[in-house]
Amino acid sequence: QVQLVESGGGLVQAGGSLRLSCAASGHTFSRTHMGWFRQAPGKEREFVAVVSWGGGRSVYADSVKGRFAISRDNAKNTVDLQMNSLKPEDTAVYYCAADRSALDVVSTRRSVYGYWGQGTQVTVSS
């Protein structure tokens, strides 16, 4: 049973920073690409960032490029999302997700991710 547990969300003012963390268990974490998605009220869940299983490749949504950074620690089975220069439009529930495709390429498509955490709320006030 794969389990993903996010933490680190909260309320922050625009321009501030937050660091989200996801703790994984129940699968071969070190061989799994890991992603972050978010869902704002009334909107579809959207891709934010992904890091390859070895940590050498990462892809970001255009809306967060240059402000967010994804990283992982395979020894601790964790994947983090450092969020800087936060904007009110970053307000959403953020989800950690594990890629189940077993492909070498990383993906931004939600359908590729078969395991999801419960989400953590991030609220950015203006």
Protein backbone atom coordinates (compact mmCIF):
# COMPACT_ATOMS: atom_id res chain seq x y z
CA GLN A 1 0.00 0.00 0.00
CA VAL A 2 1.53 3.29 -1.12
CA GLN A 3 1.13 6.14 1.30
CA LEU A 4 1.97 9.77 0.67
CA VAL A 5 1.63 12.34 3.44
CA GLU A 6 2.07 16.05 2.78
CA SER A 7 2.93 18.70 5.34
CA GLY A 8 4.04 22.31 5.48
CA GLY A 9 1.05 24.17 4.14
CA GLY A 10 -0.33 27.29 5.76
CA LEU A 11 -1.15 30.95 5.42
CA VAL A 12 1.46 33.35 4.08
CA GLN A 13 1.50 36.88 2.72
CA ALA A 14 2.20 37.57 -0.92
CA GLY A 15 5.93 37.56 -1.55
CA GLY A 16 6.56 35.08 1.23
CA SER A 17 7.81 31.51 1.16
CA LEU A 18 6.66 28.08 2.22
CA ARG A 19 8.24 24.65 2.03
CA LEU A 20 6.03 21.63 1.48
CA SER A 21 7.21 18.14 2.26
CA CYS A 22 5.86 14.73 1.25
CA ALA A 23 6.78 11.55 3.11
CA ALA A 24 6.38 8.35 1.09
CA SER A 25 6.13 4.73 2.11
CA GLY A 26 5.04 1.39 0.69
CA HIS A 27 6.78 1.48 -2.68
CA THR A 28 10.20 1.70 -4.27
CA PHE A 29 10.49 5.43 -3.77
CA SER A 30 14.00 5.69 -5.16
CA ARG A 31 12.80 4.31 -8.54
CA THR A 32 9.67 6.49 -8.80
CA HIS A 33 9.27 9.90 -10.38
CA MET A 34 7.49 12.19 -7.93
CA GLY A 35 5.28 15.17 -8.68
CA TRP A 36 3.37 18.02 -7.08
CA PHE A 37 -0.04 19.15 -8.28
CA ARG A 38 -2.47 21.74 -6.98
CA GLN A 39 -6.17 22.42 -7.09
CA ALA A 40 -7.78 25.77 -6.48
CA PRO A 41 -11.51 26.06 -5.65
CA GLY A 42 -13.63 25.52 -8.73
CA LYS A 43 -10.66 24.59 -10.90
CA GLU A 44 -9.11 21.42 -12.27
CA ARG A 45 -6.16 19.86 -10.53
CA GLU A 46 -3.06 21.10 -12.32
CA PHE A 47 0.55 20.10 -12.63
CA VAL A 48 3.12 22.09 -10.64
CA ALA A 49 6.44 20.20 -10.75
CA VAL A 50 8.00 16.78 -11.15
CA VAL A 51 11.40 15.33 -10.24
CA SER A 52 12.88 12.18 -11.73
CA TRP A 53 13.60 9.16 -9.57
CA GLY A 54 17.28 10.01 -9.36
CA GLY A 55 16.72 13.71 -8.85
CA GLY A 56 18.59 14.70 -11.98
CA ARG A 57 15.65 15.97 -14.00
CA SER A 58 12.85 18.33 -13.03
CA VAL A 59 10.06 20.04 -14.93
CA TYR A 60 7.94 22.97 -13.80
CA ALA A 61 4.69 24.56 -14.85
CA ASP A 62 5.28 27.91 -16.52
CA SER A 63 3.31 29.64 -13.77
CA VAL A 64 5.82 28.60 -11.08
CA LYS A 65 9.07 28.46 -13.03
CA GLY A 66 11.78 30.47 -11.33
CA ARG A 67 9.85 30.66 -8.05
CA PHE A 68 9.38 27.02 -7.01
CA ALA A 69 11.98 24.28 -6.62
CA ILE A 70 11.35 20.56 -6.26
CA SER A 71 13.85 18.27 -4.58
CA ARG A 72 13.99 14.78 -3.13
CA ASP A 73 15.93 12.78 -0.60
CA ASN A 74 15.87 9.08 -1.48
CA ALA A 75 17.51 8.15 1.80
CA LYS A 76 14.59 9.67 3.70
CA ASN A 77 11.84 8.88 1.15
CA THR A 78 10.80 12.52 0.97
CA VAL A 79 10.11 15.02 -1.79
CA ASP A 80 9.93 18.74 -1.06
CA LEU A 81 8.57 21.78 -2.83
CA GLN A 82 10.21 25.09 -1.94
CA MET A 83 7.86 27.92 -2.87
CA ASN A 84 9.21 31.47 -3.01
CA SER A 85 7.72 34.79 -4.10
CA LEU A 86 4.26 33.42 -3.50
CA LYS A 87 1.29 35.07 -5.17
CA PRO A 88 -2.41 35.01 -4.26
CA GLU A 89 -3.01 32.89 -7.37
CA ASP A 90 -0.84 30.16 -5.84
CA THR A 91 -3.59 29.57 -3.28
CA ALA A 92 -4.71 25.95 -3.60
CA VAL A 93 -4.60 22.52 -2.05
CA TYR A 94 -1.24 21.00 -2.97
CA TYR A 95 -0.94 17.27 -3.60
CA CYS A 96 2.07 14.99 -3.73
CA ALA A 97 1.84 12.22 -6.32
CA ALA A 98 3.81 9.14 -7.38
CA ASP A 99 4.24 8.19 -11.03
CA ARG A 100 3.07 4.61 -11.65
CA SER A 101 4.12 4.36 -15.30
CA ALA A 102 7.61 2.89 -14.76
CA LEU A 103 8.75 4.93 -17.77
CA ASP A 104 12.09 6.66 -17.81
CA VAL A 105 10.63 10.00 -18.92
CA VAL A 106 8.96 12.32 -16.41
CA SER A 107 5.39 13.36 -17.10
CA THR A 108 3.19 16.37 -16.43
CA ARG A 109 -0.02 14.41 -17.11
CA ARG A 110 -2.21 13.75 -14.10
CA SER A 111 -3.28 10.35 -15.44
CA VAL A 112 0.25 8.99 -15.09
CA TYR A 113 0.22 9.46 -11.33
CA GLY A 114 -1.49 6.59 -9.58
CA TYR A 115 -0.87 7.48 -5.96
CA TRP A 116 -1.85 10.68 -4.22
CA GLY A 117 -1.54 12.24 -0.82
CA GLN A 118 -4.42 13.84 1.04
CA GLY A 119 -3.29 17.36 0.19
CA THR A 120 -2.16 20.37 2.18
CA GLN A 121 -3.73 23.82 1.99
CA VAL A 122 -1.64 26.80 0.92
CA THR A 123 -3.25 30.22 1.23
CA VAL A 124 -1.50 33.36 0.03
CA SER A 125 -3.00 36.64 1.15
CA SER A 126 -2.60 39.85 -0.80
